[in-house]
Every structure is written in structure tokens, then in C-alpha cells.
Amino acid sequence: LGGEPIQGSQYFGNGRVTEFKYGAKLGT
């Protein structure tokens, strides 16, 4: 969700990544 050193982009080399910001923002 941002704010931590581990980022989804670090995993793009292996495949897709779950975008947790999507549901959190859409719900808001």
C-alpha cells in the first residue's frame, strides 16, 4: 500500500502481482 521498502514492482520479473491498492481505493 506504499510506505514500506518491499514493493510490488520488485516481483514483476516473476509474473503478475496482486494490486491491493485497487480495492482499498475503490472502496473509499
mmCIF file of all heavy atoms, coordinates in Angstrom:
data_MODEL
# 
_entry.id   MODEL 
# 
loop_
_atom_site.group_PDB 
_atom_site.id 
_atom_site.type_symbol 
_atom_site.label_atom_id 
_atom_site.label_alt_id 
_atom_site.label_comp_id 
_atom_site.label_asym_id 
_atom_site.label_entity_id 
_atom_site.label_seq_id 
_atom_site.pdbx_PDB_ins_code 
_atom_site.Cartn_x 
_atom_site.Cartn_y 
_atom_site.Cartn_z 
_atom_site.occupancy 
_atom_site.B_iso_or_equiv 
_atom_site.pdbx_formal_charge 
_atom_site.auth_seq_id 
_atom_site.auth_comp_id 
_atom_site.auth_asym_id 
_atom_site.auth_atom_id 
_atom_site.pdbx_PDB_model_num 
ATOM 1   N N   . LEU A 1 1  ? 0.837   -1.210  0.000   1.00 0.00 ? 1  LEU A N   1 
ATOM 2   C CA  . LEU A 1 1  ? 0.000   0.000   0.000   1.00 0.00 ? 1  LEU A CA  1 
ATOM 3   C C   . LEU A 1 1  ? 0.868   1.254   0.000   1.00 0.00 ? 1  LEU A C   1 
ATOM 4   O O   . LEU A 1 1  ? 0.377   2.360   0.165   1.00 0.00 ? 1  LEU A O   1 
ATOM 5   C CB  . LEU A 1 1  ? -0.925  0.000   1.227   1.00 0.00 ? 1  LEU A CB  1 
ATOM 6   C CG  . LEU A 1 1  ? -1.961  -1.129  1.282   1.00 0.00 ? 1  LEU A CG  1 
ATOM 7   C CD1 . LEU A 1 1  ? -2.761  -1.063  2.571   1.00 0.00 ? 1  LEU A CD1 1 
ATOM 8   C CD2 . LEU A 1 1  ? -2.885  -1.080  0.084   1.00 0.00 ? 1  LEU A CD2 1 
ATOM 9   N N   . GLY A 1 2  ? 2.181   1.064   -0.204  1.00 0.00 ? 2  GLY A N   1 
ATOM 10  C CA  . GLY A 1 2  ? 3.115   2.188   -0.146  1.00 0.00 ? 2  GLY A CA  1 
ATOM 11  C C   . GLY A 1 2  ? 3.626   2.338   1.287   1.00 0.00 ? 2  GLY A C   1 
ATOM 12  O O   . GLY A 1 2  ? 3.003   1.885   2.242   1.00 0.00 ? 2  GLY A O   1 
ATOM 13  N N   . GLY A 1 3  ? 4.809   2.961   1.425   1.00 0.00 ? 3  GLY A N   1 
ATOM 14  C CA  . GLY A 1 3  ? 5.328   3.241   2.766   1.00 0.00 ? 3  GLY A CA  1 
ATOM 15  C C   . GLY A 1 3  ? 6.235   2.170   3.345   1.00 0.00 ? 3  GLY A C   1 
ATOM 16  O O   . GLY A 1 3  ? 6.755   2.336   4.435   1.00 0.00 ? 3  GLY A O   1 
ATOM 17  N N   . GLU A 1 4  ? 6.414   1.049   2.625   1.00 0.00 ? 4  GLU A N   1 
ATOM 18  C CA  . GLU A 1 4  ? 7.338   0.016   3.087   1.00 0.00 ? 4  GLU A CA  1 
ATOM 19  C C   . GLU A 1 4  ? 8.409   -0.208  2.021   1.00 0.00 ? 4  GLU A C   1 
ATOM 20  O O   . GLU A 1 4  ? 8.172   0.061   0.845   1.00 0.00 ? 4  GLU A O   1 
ATOM 21  C CB  . GLU A 1 4  ? 6.600   -1.309  3.336   1.00 0.00 ? 4  GLU A CB  1 
ATOM 22  C CG  . GLU A 1 4  ? 5.709   -1.307  4.560   1.00 0.00 ? 4  GLU A CG  1 
ATOM 23  C CD  . GLU A 1 4  ? 5.015   -2.654  4.762   1.00 0.00 ? 4  GLU A CD  1 
ATOM 24  O OE1 . GLU A 1 4  ? 5.559   -3.683  4.297   1.00 0.00 ? 4  GLU A OE1 1 
ATOM 25  O OE2 . GLU A 1 4  ? 3.942   -2.668  5.373   1.00 0.00 ? 4  GLU A OE2 1 
ATOM 26  N N   . PRO A 1 5  ? 9.586   -0.695  2.433   1.00 0.00 ? 5  PRO A N   1 
ATOM 27  C CA  . PRO A 1 5  ? 10.658  -0.884  1.442   1.00 0.00 ? 5  PRO A CA  1 
ATOM 28  C C   . PRO A 1 5  ? 10.363  -1.997  0.428   1.00 0.00 ? 5  PRO A C   1 
ATOM 29  O O   . PRO A 1 5  ? 10.895  -1.978  -0.672  1.00 0.00 ? 5  PRO A O   1 
ATOM 30  C CB  . PRO A 1 5  ? 11.881  -1.236  2.294   1.00 0.00 ? 5  PRO A CB  1 
ATOM 31  C CG  . PRO A 1 5  ? 11.341  -1.718  3.604   1.00 0.00 ? 5  PRO A CG  1 
ATOM 32  C CD  . PRO A 1 5  ? 10.049  -0.984  3.811   1.00 0.00 ? 5  PRO A CD  1 
ATOM 33  N N   . ILE A 1 6  ? 9.531   -2.980  0.803   1.00 0.00 ? 6  ILE A N   1 
ATOM 34  C CA  . ILE A 1 6  ? 9.194   -4.036  -0.152  1.00 0.00 ? 6  ILE A CA  1 
ATOM 35  C C   . ILE A 1 6  ? 8.047   -3.547  -1.030  1.00 0.00 ? 6  ILE A C   1 
ATOM 36  O O   . ILE A 1 6  ? 6.986   -3.166  -0.543  1.00 0.00 ? 6  ILE A O   1 
ATOM 37  C CB  . ILE A 1 6  ? 8.811   -5.340  0.569   1.00 0.00 ? 6  ILE A CB  1 
ATOM 38  C CG1 . ILE A 1 6  ? 10.043  -5.899  1.300   1.00 0.00 ? 6  ILE A CG1 1 
ATOM 39  C CG2 . ILE A 1 6  ? 8.283   -6.368  -0.432  1.00 0.00 ? 6  ILE A CG2 1 
ATOM 40  C CD1 . ILE A 1 6  ? 9.796   -7.170  2.074   1.00 0.00 ? 6  ILE A CD1 1 
ATOM 41  N N   . GLN A 1 7  ? 8.297   -3.549  -2.343  1.00 0.00 ? 7  GLN A N   1 
ATOM 42  C CA  . GLN A 1 7  ? 7.330   -3.023  -3.297  1.00 0.00 ? 7  GLN A CA  1 
ATOM 43  C C   . GLN A 1 7  ? 6.944   -4.109  -4.301  1.00 0.00 ? 7  GLN A C   1 
ATOM 44  O O   . GLN A 1 7  ? 7.749   -4.975  -4.650  1.00 0.00 ? 7  GLN A O   1 
ATOM 45  C CB  . GLN A 1 7  ? 7.920   -1.819  -4.031  1.00 0.00 ? 7  GLN A CB  1 
ATOM 46  C CG  . GLN A 1 7  ? 8.264   -0.672  -3.092  1.00 0.00 ? 7  GLN A CG  1 
ATOM 47  C CD  . GLN A 1 7  ? 9.076   0.414   -3.768  1.00 0.00 ? 7  GLN A CD  1 
ATOM 48  O OE1 . GLN A 1 7  ? 9.657   0.195   -4.835  1.00 0.00 ? 7  GLN A OE1 1 
ATOM 49  N NE2 . GLN A 1 7  ? 9.131   1.574   -3.149  1.00 0.00 ? 7  GLN A NE2 1 
ATOM 50  N N   . GLY A 1 8  ? 5.709   -4.030  -4.766  1.00 0.00 ? 8  GLY A N   1 
ATOM 51  C CA  . GLY A 1 8  ? 5.228   -4.997  -5.740  1.00 0.00 ? 8  GLY A CA  1 
ATOM 52  C C   . GLY A 1 8  ? 6.109   -5.077  -6.971  1.00 0.00 ? 8  GLY A C   1 
ATOM 53  O O   . GLY A 1 8  ? 6.312   -6.157  -7.538  1.00 0.00 ? 8  GLY A O   1 
ATOM 54  N N   . SER A 1 9  ? 6.669   -3.940  -7.373  1.00 0.00 ? 9  SER A N   1 
ATOM 55  C CA  . SER A 1 9  ? 7.473   -3.891  -8.604  1.00 0.00 ? 9  SER A CA  1 
ATOM 56  C C   . SER A 1 9  ? 8.711   -4.780  -8.525  1.00 0.00 ? 9  SER A C   1 
ATOM 57  O O   . SER A 1 9  ? 9.241   -5.202  -9.554  1.00 0.00 ? 9  SER A O   1 
ATOM 58  C CB  . SER A 1 9  ? 7.894   -2.450  -8.897  1.00 0.00 ? 9  SER A CB  1 
ATOM 59  O OG  . SER A 1 9  ? 8.604   -1.908  -7.805  1.00 0.00 ? 9  SER A OG  1 
ATOM 60  N N   . GLN A 1 10 ? 9.169   -5.088  -7.313  1.00 0.00 ? 10 GLN A N   1 
ATOM 61  C CA  . GLN A 1 10 ? 10.347  -5.949  -7.162  1.00 0.00 ? 10 GLN A CA  1 
ATOM 62  C C   . GLN A 1 10 ? 10.056  -7.385  -7.625  1.00 0.00 ? 10 GLN A C   1 
ATOM 63  O O   . GLN A 1 10 ? 10.980  -8.173  -7.803  1.00 0.00 ? 10 GLN A O   1 
ATOM 64  C CB  . GLN A 1 10 ? 10.798  -5.948  -5.693  1.00 0.00 ? 10 GLN A CB  1 
ATOM 65  C CG  . GLN A 1 10 ? 11.308  -4.583  -5.228  1.00 0.00 ? 10 GLN A CG  1 
ATOM 66  C CD  . GLN A 1 10 ? 11.325  -4.442  -3.710  1.00 0.00 ? 10 GLN A CD  1 
ATOM 67  O OE1 . GLN A 1 10 ? 11.073  -5.401  -2.974  1.00 0.00 ? 10 GLN A OE1 1 
ATOM 68  N NE2 . GLN A 1 10 ? 11.612  -3.238  -3.216  1.00 0.00 ? 10 GLN A NE2 1 
ATOM 69  N N   . TYR A 1 11 ? 8.778   -7.698  -7.824  1.00 0.00 ? 11 TYR A N   1 
ATOM 70  C CA  . TYR A 1 11 ? 8.376   -9.055  -8.178  1.00 0.00 ? 11 TYR A CA  1 
ATOM 71  C C   . TYR A 1 11 ? 7.921   -9.178  -9.626  1.00 0.00 ? 11 TYR A C   1 
ATOM 72  O O   . TYR A 1 11 ? 7.534   -10.265 -10.063 1.00 0.00 ? 11 TYR A O   1 
ATOM 73  C CB  . TYR A 1 11 ? 7.256   -9.526  -7.231  1.00 0.00 ? 11 TYR A CB  1 
ATOM 74  C CG  . TYR A 1 11 ? 7.736   -9.705  -5.811  1.00 0.00 ? 11 TYR A CG  1 
ATOM 75  C CD1 . TYR A 1 11 ? 7.867   -8.614  -4.958  1.00 0.00 ? 11 TYR A CD1 1 
ATOM 76  C CD2 . TYR A 1 11 ? 8.116   -10.958 -5.334  1.00 0.00 ? 11 TYR A CD2 1 
ATOM 77  C CE1 . TYR A 1 11 ? 8.334   -8.764  -3.655  1.00 0.00 ? 11 TYR A CE1 1 
ATOM 78  C CE2 . TYR A 1 11 ? 8.591   -11.121 -4.045  1.00 0.00 ? 11 TYR A CE2 1 
ATOM 79  C CZ  . TYR A 1 11 ? 8.693   -10.022 -3.211  1.00 0.00 ? 11 TYR A CZ  1 
ATOM 80  O OH  . TYR A 1 11 ? 9.174   -10.178 -1.934  1.00 0.00 ? 11 TYR A OH  1 
ATOM 81  N N   . PHE A 1 12 ? 7.962   -8.086  -10.390 1.00 0.00 ? 12 PHE A N   1 
ATOM 82  C CA  . PHE A 1 12 ? 7.468   -8.114  -11.772 1.00 0.00 ? 12 PHE A CA  1 
ATOM 83  C C   . PHE A 1 12 ? 8.220   -9.116  -12.635 1.00 0.00 ? 12 PHE A C   1 
ATOM 84  O O   . PHE A 1 12 ? 7.678   -9.647  -13.599 1.00 0.00 ? 12 PHE A O   1 
ATOM 85  C CB  . PHE A 1 12 ? 7.575   -6.728  -12.425 1.00 0.00 ? 12 PHE A CB  1 
ATOM 86  C CG  . PHE A 1 12 ? 6.591   -5.703  -11.908 1.00 0.00 ? 12 PHE A CG  1 
ATOM 87  C CD1 . PHE A 1 12 ? 6.747   -4.371  -12.234 1.00 0.00 ? 12 PHE A CD1 1 
ATOM 88  C CD2 . PHE A 1 12 ? 5.520   -6.074  -11.110 1.00 0.00 ? 12 PHE A CD2 1 
ATOM 89  C CE1 . PHE A 1 12 ? 5.854   -3.411  -11.777 1.00 0.00 ? 12 PHE A CE1 1 
ATOM 90  C CE2 . PHE A 1 12 ? 4.623   -5.124  -10.640 1.00 0.00 ? 12 PHE A CE2 1 
ATOM 91  C CZ  . PHE A 1 12 ? 4.784   -3.787  -10.975 1.00 0.00 ? 12 PHE A CZ  1 
ATOM 92  N N   . GLY A 1 13 ? 9.485   -9.386  -12.309 1.00 0.00 ? 13 GLY A N   1 
ATOM 93  C CA  . GLY A 1 13 ? 10.270  -10.320 -13.114 1.00 0.00 ? 13 GLY A CA  1 
ATOM 94  C C   . GLY A 1 13 ? 9.736   -11.739 -13.082 1.00 0.00 ? 13 GLY A C   1 
ATOM 95  O O   . GLY A 1 13 ? 10.048  -12.547 -13.957 1.00 0.00 ? 13 GLY A O   1 
ATOM 96  N N   . ASN A 1 14 ? 8.905   -12.050 -12.079 1.00 0.00 ? 14 ASN A N   1 
ATOM 97  C CA  . ASN A 1 14 ? 8.401   -13.418 -11.915 1.00 0.00 ? 14 ASN A CA  1 
ATOM 98  C C   . ASN A 1 14 ? 6.984   -13.624 -12.447 1.00 0.00 ? 14 ASN A C   1 
ATOM 99  O O   . ASN A 1 14 ? 6.564   -14.755 -12.659 1.00 0.00 ? 14 ASN A O   1 
ATOM 100 C CB  . ASN A 1 14 ? 8.410   -13.805 -10.432 1.00 0.00 ? 14 ASN A CB  1 
ATOM 101 C CG  . ASN A 1 14 ? 9.806   -13.861 -9.862  1.00 0.00 ? 14 ASN A CG  1 
ATOM 102 O OD1 . ASN A 1 14 ? 10.740  -14.244 -10.555 1.00 0.00 ? 14 ASN A OD1 1 
ATOM 103 N ND2 . ASN A 1 14 ? 9.957   -13.465 -8.605  1.00 0.00 ? 14 ASN A ND2 1 
ATOM 104 N N   . GLY A 1 15 ? 6.223   -12.552 -12.616 1.00 0.00 ? 15 GLY A N   1 
ATOM 105 C CA  . GLY A 1 15 ? 4.831   -12.686 -13.021 1.00 0.00 ? 15 GLY A CA  1 
ATOM 106 C C   . GLY A 1 15 ? 4.032   -11.494 -12.540 1.00 0.00 ? 15 GLY A C   1 
ATOM 107 O O   . GLY A 1 15 ? 4.594   -10.475 -12.150 1.00 0.00 ? 15 GLY A O   1 
ATOM 108 N N   . ARG A 1 16 ? 2.727   -11.611 -12.570 1.00 0.00 ? 16 ARG A N   1 
ATOM 109 C CA  . ARG A 1 16 ? 1.868   -10.523 -12.103 1.00 0.00 ? 16 ARG A CA  1 
ATOM 110 C C   . ARG A 1 16 ? 1.902   -10.421 -10.586 1.00 0.00 ? 16 ARG A C   1 
ATOM 111 O O   . ARG A 1 16 ? 2.350   -11.338 -9.891  1.00 0.00 ? 16 ARG A O   1 
ATOM 112 C CB  . ARG A 1 16 ? 0.424   -10.719 -12.576 1.00 0.00 ? 16 ARG A CB  1 
ATOM 113 C CG  . ARG A 1 16 ? 0.246   -10.516 -14.077 1.00 0.00 ? 16 ARG A CG  1 
ATOM 114 C CD  . ARG A 1 16 ? -1.226  -10.366 -14.428 1.00 0.00 ? 16 ARG A CD  1 
ATOM 115 N NE  . ARG A 1 16 ? -1.422  -10.369 -15.863 1.00 0.00 ? 16 ARG A NE  1 
ATOM 116 C CZ  . ARG A 1 16 ? -2.050  -9.404  -16.547 1.00 0.00 ? 16 ARG A CZ  1 
ATOM 117 N NH1 . ARG A 1 16 ? -2.558  -8.357  -15.912 1.00 0.00 ? 16 ARG A NH1 1 
ATOM 118 N NH2 . ARG A 1 16 ? -2.192  -9.485  -17.849 1.00 0.00 ? 16 ARG A NH2 1 
ATOM 119 N N   . VAL A 1 17 ? 1.378   -9.306  -10.085 1.00 0.00 ? 17 VAL A N   1 
ATOM 120 C CA  . VAL A 1 17 ? 1.360   -9.038  -8.650  1.00 0.00 ? 17 VAL A CA  1 
ATOM 121 C C   . VAL A 1 17 ? -0.046  -8.572  -8.266  1.00 0.00 ? 17 VAL A C   1 
ATOM 122 O O   . VAL A 1 17 ? -0.705  -7.848  -9.027  1.00 0.00 ? 17 VAL A O   1 
ATOM 123 C CB  . VAL A 1 17 ? 2.418   -7.969  -8.281  1.00 0.00 ? 17 VAL A CB  1 
ATOM 124 C CG1 . VAL A 1 17 ? 2.338   -7.604  -6.810  1.00 0.00 ? 17 VAL A CG1 1 
ATOM 125 C CG2 . VAL A 1 17 ? 3.828   -8.475  -8.625  1.00 0.00 ? 17 VAL A CG2 1 
ATOM 126 N N   . THR A 1 18 ? -0.500  -8.983  -7.102  1.00 0.00 ? 18 THR A N   1 
ATOM 127 C CA  . THR A 1 18 ? -1.812  -8.553  -6.611  1.00 0.00 ? 18 THR A CA  1 
ATOM 128 C C   . THR A 1 18 ? -1.763  -7.060  -6.267  1.00 0.00 ? 18 THR A C   1 
ATOM 129 O O   . THR A 1 18 ? -0.923  -6.635  -5.477  1.00 0.00 ? 18 THR A O   1 
ATOM 130 C CB  . THR A 1 18 ? -2.184  -9.354  -5.352  1.00 0.00 ? 18 THR A CB  1 
ATOM 131 O OG1 . THR A 1 18 ? -1.083  -9.307  -4.433  1.00 0.00 ? 18 THR A OG1 1 
ATOM 132 C CG2 . THR A 1 18 ? -2.494  -10.791 -5.691  1.00 0.00 ? 18 THR A CG2 1 
ATOM 133 N N   . GLU A 1 19 ? -2.672  -6.259  -6.839  1.00 0.00 ? 19 GLU A N   1 
ATOM 134 C CA  . GLU A 1 19 ? -2.694  -4.807  -6.610  1.00 0.00 ? 19 GLU A CA  1 
ATOM 135 C C   . GLU A 1 19 ? -3.685  -4.504  -5.482  1.00 0.00 ? 19 GLU A C   1 
ATOM 136 O O   . GLU A 1 19 ? -4.878  -4.310  -5.711  1.00 0.00 ? 19 GLU A O   1 
ATOM 137 C CB  . GLU A 1 19 ? -3.061  -4.067  -7.906  1.00 0.00 ? 19 GLU A CB  1 
ATOM 138 C CG  . GLU A 1 19 ? -3.135  -2.558  -7.785  1.00 0.00 ? 19 GLU A CG  1 
ATOM 139 C CD  . GLU A 1 19 ? -1.903  -1.920  -7.146  1.00 0.00 ? 19 GLU A CD  1 
ATOM 140 O OE1 . GLU A 1 19 ? -1.820  -1.924  -5.889  1.00 0.00 ? 19 GLU A OE1 1 
ATOM 141 O OE2 . GLU A 1 19 ? -1.047  -1.419  -7.887  1.00 0.00 ? 19 GLU A OE2 1 
ATOM 142 N N   . PHE A 1 20 ? -3.154  -4.489  -4.252  1.00 0.00 ? 20 PHE A N   1 
ATOM 143 C CA  . PHE A 1 20 ? -4.013  -4.288  -3.084  1.00 0.00 ? 20 PHE A CA  1 
ATOM 144 C C   . PHE A 1 20 ? -4.554  -2.865  -2.977  1.00 0.00 ? 20 PHE A C   1 
ATOM 145 O O   . PHE A 1 20 ? -5.571  -2.632  -2.312  1.00 0.00 ? 20 PHE A O   1 
ATOM 146 C CB  . PHE A 1 20 ? -3.266  -4.671  -1.802  1.00 0.00 ? 20 PHE A CB  1 
ATOM 147 C CG  . PHE A 1 20 ? -3.331  -6.143  -1.491  1.00 0.00 ? 20 PHE A CG  1 
ATOM 148 C CD1 . PHE A 1 20 ? -2.412  -7.019  -2.045  1.00 0.00 ? 20 PHE A CD1 1 
ATOM 149 C CD2 . PHE A 1 20 ? -4.319  -6.657  -0.663  1.00 0.00 ? 20 PHE A CD2 1 
ATOM 150 C CE1 . PHE A 1 20 ? -2.480  -8.379  -1.770  1.00 0.00 ? 20 PHE A CE1 1 
ATOM 151 C CE2 . PHE A 1 20 ? -4.388  -8.009  -0.385  1.00 0.00 ? 20 PHE A CE2 1 
ATOM 152 C CZ  . PHE A 1 20 ? -3.468  -8.871  -0.935  1.00 0.00 ? 20 PHE A CZ  1 
ATOM 153 N N   . LYS A 1 21 ? -3.875  -1.909  -3.619  1.00 0.00 ? 21 LYS A N   1 
ATOM 154 C CA  . LYS A 1 21 ? -4.376  -0.527  -3.558  1.00 0.00 ? 21 LYS A CA  1 
ATOM 155 C C   . LYS A 1 21 ? -5.718  -0.405  -4.281  1.00 0.00 ? 21 LYS A C   1 
ATOM 156 O O   . LYS A 1 21 ? -6.521  0.480   -3.977  1.00 0.00 ? 21 LYS A O   1 
ATOM 157 C CB  . LYS A 1 21 ? -3.354  0.446   -4.173  1.00 0.00 ? 21 LYS A CB  1 
ATOM 158 C CG  . LYS A 1 21 ? -2.072  0.581   -3.361  1.00 0.00 ? 21 LYS A CG  1 
ATOM 159 C CD  . LYS A 1 21 ? -1.200  1.717   -3.848  1.00 0.00 ? 21 LYS A CD  1 
ATOM 160 C CE  . LYS A 1 21 ? -0.429  1.399   -5.101  1.00 0.00 ? 21 LYS A CE  1 
ATOM 161 N NZ  . LYS A 1 21 ? 0.692   0.457   -4.884  1.00 0.00 ? 21 LYS A NZ  1 
ATOM 162 N N   . TYR A 1 22 ? -5.974  -1.306  -5.235  1.00 0.00 ? 22 TYR A N   1 
ATOM 163 C CA  . TYR A 1 22 ? -7.174  -1.232  -6.072  1.00 0.00 ? 22 TYR A CA  1 
ATOM 164 C C   . TYR A 1 22 ? -8.452  -1.280  -5.237  1.00 0.00 ? 22 TYR A C   1 
ATOM 165 O O   . TYR A 1 22 ? -9.285  -0.372  -5.282  1.00 0.00 ? 22 TYR A O   1 
ATOM 166 C CB  . TYR A 1 22 ? -7.140  -2.391  -7.077  1.00 0.00 ? 22 TYR A CB  1 
ATOM 167 C CG  . TYR A 1 22 ? -8.165  -2.304  -8.192  1.00 0.00 ? 22 TYR A CG  1 
ATOM 168 C CD1 . TYR A 1 22 ? -7.795  -1.862  -9.457  1.00 0.00 ? 22 TYR A CD1 1 
ATOM 169 C CD2 . TYR A 1 22 ? -9.482  -2.687  -8.000  1.00 0.00 ? 22 TYR A CD2 1 
ATOM 170 C CE1 . TYR A 1 22 ? -8.715  -1.800  -10.496 1.00 0.00 ? 22 TYR A CE1 1 
ATOM 171 C CE2 . TYR A 1 22 ? -10.415 -2.623  -9.025  1.00 0.00 ? 22 TYR A CE2 1 
ATOM 172 C CZ  . TYR A 1 22 ? -10.025 -2.183  -10.274 1.00 0.00 ? 22 TYR A CZ  1 
ATOM 173 O OH  . TYR A 1 22 ? -10.938 -2.109  -11.291 1.00 0.00 ? 22 TYR A OH  1 
ATOM 174 N N   . GLY A 1 23 ? -8.634  -2.338  -4.471  1.00 0.00 ? 23 GLY A N   1 
ATOM 175 C CA  . GLY A 1 23 ? -9.853  -2.487  -3.677  1.00 0.00 ? 23 GLY A CA  1 
ATOM 176 C C   . GLY A 1 23 ? -9.956  -1.468  -2.568  1.00 0.00 ? 23 GLY A C   1 
ATOM 177 O O   . GLY A 1 23 ? -11.053 -0.988  -2.252  1.00 0.00 ? 23 GLY A O   1 
ATOM 178 N N   . ALA A 1 24 ? -8.794  -1.127  -1.967  1.00 0.00 ? 24 ALA A N   1 
ATOM 179 C CA  . ALA A 1 24 ? -8.801  -0.150  -0.882  1.00 0.00 ? 24 ALA A CA  1 
ATOM 180 C C   . ALA A 1 24 ? -9.254  1.221   -1.378  1.00 0.00 ? 24 ALA A C   1 
ATOM 181 O O   . ALA A 1 24 ? -10.079 1.898   -0.752  1.00 0.00 ? 24 ALA A O   1 
ATOM 182 C CB  . ALA A 1 24 ? -7.414  -0.060  -0.251  1.00 0.00 ? 24 ALA A CB  1 
ATOM 183 N N   . LYS A 1 25 ? -8.721  1.642   -2.521  1.00 0.00 ? 25 LYS A N   1 
ATOM 184 C CA  . LYS A 1 25 ? -9.070  2.963   -3.083  1.00 0.00 ? 25 LYS A CA  1 
ATOM 185 C C   . LYS A 1 25 ? -10.490 2.968   -3.642  1.00 0.00 ? 25 LYS A C   1 
ATOM 186 O O   . LYS A 1 25 ? -11.239 3.928   -3.453  1.00 0.00 ? 25 LYS A O   1 
ATOM 187 C CB  . LYS A 1 25 ? -8.083  3.347   -4.183  1.00 0.00 ? 25 LYS A CB  1 
ATOM 188 C CG  . LYS A 1 25 ? -6.649  3.527   -3.718  1.00 0.00 ? 25 LYS A CG  1 
ATOM 189 C CD  . LYS A 1 25 ? -6.462  4.827   -2.986  1.00 0.00 ? 25 LYS A CD  1 
ATOM 190 C CE  . LYS A 1 25 ? -4.983  5.094   -2.725  1.00 0.00 ? 25 LYS A CE  1 
ATOM 191 N NZ  . LYS A 1 25 ? -4.802  6.299   -1.884  1.00 0.00 ? 25 LYS A NZ  1 
ATOM 192 N N   . LEU A 1 26 ? -10.864 1.895   -4.357  1.00 0.00 ? 26 LEU A N   1 
ATOM 193 C CA  . LEU A 1 26 ? -12.197 1.852   -4.961  1.00 0.00 ? 26 LEU A CA  1 
ATOM 194 C C   . LEU A 1 26 ? -13.275 1.853   -3.871  1.00 0.00 ? 26 LEU A C   1 
ATOM 195 O O   . LEU A 1 26 ? -14.311 2.515   -4.003  1.00 0.00 ? 26 LEU A O   1 
ATOM 196 C CB  . LEU A 1 26 ? -12.342 0.627   -5.864  1.00 0.00 ? 26 LEU A CB  1 
ATOM 197 C CG  . LEU A 1 26 ? -13.607 0.569   -6.729  1.00 0.00 ? 26 LEU A CG  1 
ATOM 198 C CD1 . LEU A 1 26 ? -13.738 1.800   -7.623  1.00 0.00 ? 26 LEU A CD1 1 
ATOM 199 C CD2 . LEU A 1 26 ? -13.618 -0.699  -7.578  1.00 0.00 ? 26 LEU A CD2 1 
ATOM 200 N N   . GLY A 1 27 ? -13.010 1.137   -2.783  1.00 0.00 ? 27 GLY A N   1 
ATOM 201 C CA  . GLY A 1 27 ? -13.951 1.131   -1.660  1.00 0.00 ? 27 GLY A CA  1 
ATOM 202 C C   . GLY A 1 27 ? -14.114 2.518   -1.062  1.00 0.00 ? 27 GLY A C   1 
ATOM 203 O O   . GLY A 1 27 ? -15.231 2.952   -0.748  1.00 0.00 ? 27 GLY A O   1 
ATOM 204 N N   . THR A 1 28 ? -13.010 3.232   -0.908  1.00 0.00 ? 28 THR A N   1 
ATOM 205 C CA  . THR A 1 28 ? -13.061 4.591   -0.360  1.00 0.00 ? 28 THR A CA  1 
ATOM 206 C C   . THR A 1 28 ? -13.883 5.510   -1.262  1.00 0.00 ? 28 THR A C   1 
ATOM 207 O O   . THR A 1 28 ? -14.686 6.313   -0.784  1.00 0.00 ? 28 THR A O   1 
ATOM 208 C CB  . THR A 1 28 ? -11.630 5.146   -0.201  1.00 0.00 ? 28 THR A CB  1 
ATOM 209 O OG1 . THR A 1 28 ? -10.895 4.282   0.669   1.00 0.00 ? 28 THR A OG1 1 
ATOM 210 C CG2 . THR A 1 28 ? -11.640 6.538   0.404   1.00 0.00 ? 28 THR A CG2 1 
# 
